[in-house]
């Protein structure tokens, strides 16, 4: 069995500032910028044929995040949002995911 690495856990608390731009009475554009603090843990497994100094490395870092979206107000008490955001998470071995 070859050496395998699995992301064992990831925690990503974040804080954002969101701005809205009214396009019509009911439709608004959204912009978001913020920071995400990531903490990841990776776990290595295998037969022992490959020596790994640290079988359970972890990493912590802060990353910037951005996003855009649309919000539609059906009435003052009921709104629907569609959003997309982008930020990176680094695994504990230096790999990066989006």
N, C-alpha and C. Protein backbone atom coordinates (compact mmCIF):
# COMPACT_ATOMS: atom_id res chain seq x y z
N UNK A 1 0.85 -1.16 0.00
CA UNK A 1 0.00 0.00 0.00
C UNK A 1 0.90 1.24 0.00
N UNK A 2 0.68 2.21 -0.91
CA UNK A 2 1.51 3.41 -0.94
C UNK A 2 1.17 4.34 0.22
N UNK A 3 2.04 5.31 0.42
CA UNK A 3 1.80 6.33 1.44
C UNK A 3 0.63 7.19 1.02
N UNK A 4 -0.31 7.43 1.91
CA UNK A 4 -1.47 8.27 1.60
C UNK A 4 -1.55 9.41 2.59
N UNK A 5 -2.12 10.54 2.13
CA UNK A 5 -2.34 11.69 3.00
C UNK A 5 -3.79 12.11 2.87
N UNK A 6 -4.44 12.25 3.98
CA UNK A 6 -5.84 12.69 4.02
C UNK A 6 -5.94 13.91 4.92
N UNK A 7 -6.68 14.92 4.43
CA UNK A 7 -6.96 16.06 5.31
C UNK A 7 -7.90 15.55 6.37
N UNK A 8 -7.43 15.55 7.58
CA UNK A 8 -8.18 14.98 8.70
C UNK A 8 -9.21 15.95 9.24
N UNK A 9 -8.94 17.25 9.12
CA UNK A 9 -9.90 18.22 9.61
C UNK A 9 -9.51 19.62 9.18
N UNK A 10 -10.50 20.47 9.01
CA UNK A 10 -10.26 21.87 8.68
C UNK A 10 -11.29 22.71 9.40
N UNK A 11 -10.82 23.78 10.02
CA UNK A 11 -11.70 24.73 10.66
C UNK A 11 -11.44 26.08 10.01
N UNK A 12 -12.51 26.79 9.62
CA UNK A 12 -12.35 28.05 8.90
C UNK A 12 -13.32 29.10 9.44
N UNK A 13 -13.06 29.66 10.61
CA UNK A 13 -13.87 30.80 11.03
C UNK A 13 -13.51 32.03 10.19
N UNK A 14 -14.47 32.89 9.94
CA UNK A 14 -14.19 34.05 9.08
C UNK A 14 -14.98 35.26 9.53
N UNK A 15 -14.53 36.42 9.05
CA UNK A 15 -15.17 37.69 9.34
C UNK A 15 -15.21 38.49 8.05
N UNK A 16 -16.39 39.00 7.68
CA UNK A 16 -16.56 39.71 6.41
C UNK A 16 -17.22 41.06 6.61
N UNK A 17 -16.92 41.96 5.70
CA UNK A 17 -17.68 43.21 5.54
C UNK A 17 -18.45 43.06 4.23
N UNK A 18 -19.76 43.31 4.28
CA UNK A 18 -20.62 43.14 3.11
C UNK A 18 -21.23 44.48 2.76
N UNK A 19 -21.11 44.86 1.49
CA UNK A 19 -21.74 46.08 1.00
C UNK A 19 -22.83 45.74 0.00
N UNK A 20 -23.87 46.55 -0.05
CA UNK A 20 -24.95 46.33 -1.00
C UNK A 20 -25.10 47.55 -1.89
N UNK A 21 -25.47 47.29 -3.13
CA UNK A 21 -25.72 48.33 -4.12
C UNK A 21 -27.10 48.07 -4.71
N UNK A 22 -28.10 48.90 -4.39
CA UNK A 22 -29.45 48.69 -4.93
C UNK A 22 -29.44 48.87 -6.46
N UNK A 23 -30.00 47.88 -7.16
CA UNK A 23 -30.12 47.95 -8.62
C UNK A 23 -31.54 48.32 -9.02
N UNK A 24 -32.53 47.80 -8.29
CA UNK A 24 -33.94 48.15 -8.45
C UNK A 24 -34.54 48.22 -7.04
N UNK A 25 -35.84 48.41 -6.94
CA UNK A 25 -36.48 48.43 -5.62
C UNK A 25 -36.29 47.11 -4.88
N UNK A 26 -36.24 45.99 -5.60
CA UNK A 26 -36.17 44.67 -4.96
C UNK A 26 -34.84 43.97 -5.14
N UNK A 27 -34.01 44.37 -6.11
CA UNK A 27 -32.78 43.66 -6.43
C UNK A 27 -31.56 44.48 -6.05
N UNK A 28 -30.61 43.84 -5.37
CA UNK A 28 -29.38 44.50 -4.96
C UNK A 28 -28.18 43.62 -5.30
N UNK A 29 -27.06 44.26 -5.64
CA UNK A 29 -25.80 43.56 -5.82
C UNK A 29 -25.05 43.58 -4.48
N UNK A 30 -24.31 42.51 -4.21
CA UNK A 30 -23.56 42.39 -2.97
C UNK A 30 -22.08 42.27 -3.28
N UNK A 31 -21.26 42.87 -2.45
CA UNK A 31 -19.82 42.69 -2.50
C UNK A 31 -19.33 42.37 -1.11
N UNK A 32 -18.38 41.46 -1.01
CA UNK A 32 -17.92 41.02 0.30
C UNK A 32 -16.40 40.92 0.27
N UNK A 33 -15.77 41.37 1.35
CA UNK A 33 -14.33 41.21 1.53
C UNK A 33 -14.10 40.89 3.00
N UNK A 34 -13.16 40.02 3.26
CA UNK A 34 -12.94 39.63 4.64
C UNK A 34 -11.69 38.80 4.80
N UNK A 35 -11.61 38.14 5.93
CA UNK A 35 -10.47 37.28 6.26
C UNK A 35 -10.99 35.95 6.78
N UNK A 36 -10.28 34.90 6.43
CA UNK A 36 -10.58 33.56 6.92
C UNK A 36 -9.35 33.03 7.64
N UNK A 37 -9.54 32.56 8.85
CA UNK A 37 -8.46 31.95 9.63
C UNK A 37 -8.62 30.44 9.48
N UNK A 38 -7.64 29.79 8.87
CA UNK A 38 -7.75 28.35 8.63
C UNK A 38 -6.83 27.58 9.55
N UNK A 39 -7.34 26.46 10.02
CA UNK A 39 -6.54 25.52 10.79
C UNK A 39 -6.80 24.14 10.19
N UNK A 40 -5.76 23.54 9.64
CA UNK A 40 -5.92 22.23 8.99
C UNK A 40 -5.02 21.20 9.67
N UNK A 41 -5.47 19.96 9.60
CA UNK A 41 -4.69 18.83 10.10
C UNK A 41 -4.69 17.75 9.03
N UNK A 42 -3.55 17.17 8.79
CA UNK A 42 -3.40 16.11 7.80
C UNK A 42 -2.91 14.86 8.51
N UNK A 43 -3.36 13.70 8.02
CA UNK A 43 -2.94 12.45 8.62
C UNK A 43 -2.37 11.55 7.54
N UNK A 44 -1.15 11.04 7.75
CA UNK A 44 -0.50 10.14 6.81
C UNK A 44 -0.69 8.70 7.25
N UNK A 45 -0.85 7.82 6.27
CA UNK A 45 -0.96 6.40 6.55
C UNK A 45 -0.22 5.62 5.48
N UNK A 46 0.11 4.40 5.74
CA UNK A 46 0.80 3.56 4.76
C UNK A 46 1.42 2.36 5.43
N UNK A 47 2.28 1.68 4.69
CA UNK A 47 2.88 0.43 5.16
C UNK A 47 4.15 0.65 5.97
N UNK A 48 4.68 1.87 5.94
CA UNK A 48 5.94 2.12 6.63
C UNK A 48 7.13 2.05 5.70
N UNK A 49 6.92 1.76 4.40
CA UNK A 49 8.02 1.69 3.45
C UNK A 49 8.62 3.08 3.20
N UNK A 50 7.86 4.11 3.41
CA UNK A 50 8.33 5.49 3.28
C UNK A 50 8.35 6.10 4.67
N UNK A 51 9.46 6.72 5.03
CA UNK A 51 9.58 7.32 6.35
C UNK A 51 9.02 8.74 6.31
N UNK A 52 8.10 9.02 7.21
CA UNK A 52 7.52 10.35 7.35
C UNK A 52 7.85 10.84 8.76
N UNK A 53 8.52 11.98 8.85
CA UNK A 53 8.92 12.50 10.16
C UNK A 53 7.73 12.88 11.02
N UNK A 54 6.73 13.49 10.43
CA UNK A 54 5.55 13.93 11.19
C UNK A 54 4.31 13.37 10.51
N UNK A 55 3.69 12.36 11.09
CA UNK A 55 2.52 11.72 10.48
C UNK A 55 1.24 12.53 10.66
N UNK A 56 1.23 13.53 11.53
CA UNK A 56 0.04 14.33 11.79
C UNK A 56 0.38 15.83 11.80
N UNK A 57 0.85 16.39 10.68
CA UNK A 57 1.19 17.81 10.66
C UNK A 57 -0.08 18.68 10.69
N UNK A 58 0.08 19.93 11.14
CA UNK A 58 -1.02 20.88 11.13
C UNK A 58 -0.50 22.24 10.68
N UNK A 59 -1.42 23.09 10.25
CA UNK A 59 -1.05 24.42 9.76
C UNK A 59 -2.13 25.40 10.17
N UNK A 60 -1.72 26.62 10.48
CA UNK A 60 -2.65 27.70 10.82
C UNK A 60 -2.22 28.94 10.06
N UNK A 61 -3.18 29.63 9.47
CA UNK A 61 -2.87 30.88 8.77
C UNK A 61 -4.14 31.66 8.49
N UNK A 62 -3.95 32.95 8.22
CA UNK A 62 -5.06 33.83 7.84
C UNK A 62 -4.95 34.13 6.36
N UNK A 63 -6.07 34.14 5.68
CA UNK A 63 -6.12 34.40 4.25
C UNK A 63 -7.22 35.41 3.95
N UNK A 64 -7.04 36.20 2.91
CA UNK A 64 -8.07 37.13 2.47
C UNK A 64 -9.14 36.37 1.68
N UNK A 65 -10.38 36.82 1.76
CA UNK A 65 -11.44 36.23 0.97
C UNK A 65 -12.28 37.33 0.34
N UNK A 66 -12.81 37.04 -0.83
CA UNK A 66 -13.65 38.00 -1.56
C UNK A 66 -14.88 37.26 -2.09
N UNK A 67 -15.95 38.02 -2.34
CA UNK A 67 -17.16 37.40 -2.87
C UNK A 67 -18.08 38.42 -3.50
N UNK A 68 -18.98 37.93 -4.31
CA UNK A 68 -20.00 38.74 -4.97
C UNK A 68 -21.32 37.99 -4.90
N UNK A 69 -22.43 38.72 -5.10
CA UNK A 69 -23.72 38.06 -5.09
C UNK A 69 -24.84 39.01 -5.45
N UNK A 70 -26.04 38.45 -5.45
CA UNK A 70 -27.27 39.19 -5.71
C UNK A 70 -28.26 38.89 -4.60
N UNK A 71 -29.07 39.88 -4.26
CA UNK A 71 -30.12 39.70 -3.26
C UNK A 71 -31.44 40.22 -3.83
N UNK A 72 -32.49 39.41 -3.68
CA UNK A 72 -33.81 39.82 -4.15
C UNK A 72 -34.76 39.84 -2.95
N UNK A 73 -35.44 40.98 -2.75
CA UNK A 73 -36.40 41.13 -1.65
C UNK A 73 -37.81 40.89 -2.18
N UNK A 74 -38.41 39.77 -1.78
CA UNK A 74 -39.79 39.49 -2.16
C UNK A 74 -40.74 40.42 -1.41
N UNK A 75 -40.39 40.69 -0.15
CA UNK A 75 -41.07 41.69 0.67
C UNK A 75 -40.08 42.08 1.76
N UNK A 76 -40.37 43.07 2.61
CA UNK A 76 -39.39 43.49 3.61
C UNK A 76 -38.95 42.40 4.59
N UNK A 77 -39.74 41.37 4.76
CA UNK A 77 -39.40 40.31 5.71
C UNK A 77 -38.86 39.05 5.08
N UNK A 78 -38.80 38.98 3.76
CA UNK A 78 -38.35 37.75 3.09
C UNK A 78 -37.47 38.11 1.90
N UNK A 79 -36.19 37.73 1.98
CA UNK A 79 -35.22 37.99 0.92
C UNK A 79 -34.48 36.71 0.58
N UNK A 80 -33.98 36.66 -0.64
CA UNK A 80 -33.20 35.51 -1.09
C UNK A 80 -31.87 36.03 -1.63
N UNK A 81 -30.78 35.33 -1.28
CA UNK A 81 -29.44 35.71 -1.74
C UNK A 81 -28.79 34.57 -2.50
N UNK A 82 -28.01 34.93 -3.48
CA UNK A 82 -27.13 33.99 -4.18
C UNK A 82 -25.74 34.62 -4.10
N UNK A 83 -24.79 33.88 -3.55
CA UNK A 83 -23.45 34.41 -3.37
C UNK A 83 -22.39 33.40 -3.78
N UNK A 84 -21.27 33.91 -4.16
CA UNK A 84 -20.09 33.09 -4.41
C UNK A 84 -18.91 33.78 -3.76
N UNK A 85 -18.02 32.99 -3.17
CA UNK A 85 -16.84 33.58 -2.56
C UNK A 85 -15.63 32.71 -2.82
N UNK A 86 -14.47 33.34 -2.70
CA UNK A 86 -13.23 32.63 -2.98
C UNK A 86 -12.24 32.89 -1.85
N UNK A 87 -11.68 31.82 -1.35
CA UNK A 87 -10.57 31.91 -0.40
C UNK A 87 -9.79 30.62 -0.49
N UNK A 88 -8.58 30.64 0.00
CA UNK A 88 -7.70 29.47 -0.08
C UNK A 88 -7.55 28.81 1.27
N UNK A 89 -7.41 27.50 1.23
CA UNK A 89 -7.11 26.72 2.43
C UNK A 89 -5.82 25.95 2.13
N UNK A 90 -4.85 26.10 3.00
CA UNK A 90 -3.60 25.35 2.86
C UNK A 90 -3.67 24.10 3.71
N UNK A 91 -3.30 22.97 3.11
CA UNK A 91 -3.23 21.77 3.95
C UNK A 91 -1.93 21.82 4.75
N UNK A 92 -1.75 20.94 5.64
CA UNK A 92 -0.62 20.99 6.56
C UNK A 92 0.70 20.64 5.89
N UNK A 93 0.69 20.21 4.63
CA UNK A 93 1.93 19.85 3.96
C UNK A 93 2.34 20.90 2.93
N UNK A 94 1.64 22.03 2.87
CA UNK A 94 2.00 23.09 1.94
C UNK A 94 1.17 23.12 0.67
N UNK A 95 0.29 22.14 0.47
CA UNK A 95 -0.60 22.15 -0.69
C UNK A 95 -1.68 23.21 -0.50
N UNK A 96 -2.24 23.72 -1.62
CA UNK A 96 -3.25 24.76 -1.52
C UNK A 96 -4.48 24.37 -2.31
N UNK A 97 -5.64 24.61 -1.74
CA UNK A 97 -6.91 24.36 -2.41
C UNK A 97 -7.68 25.66 -2.45
N UNK A 98 -8.65 25.74 -3.38
CA UNK A 98 -9.46 26.97 -3.49
C UNK A 98 -10.82 26.74 -2.92
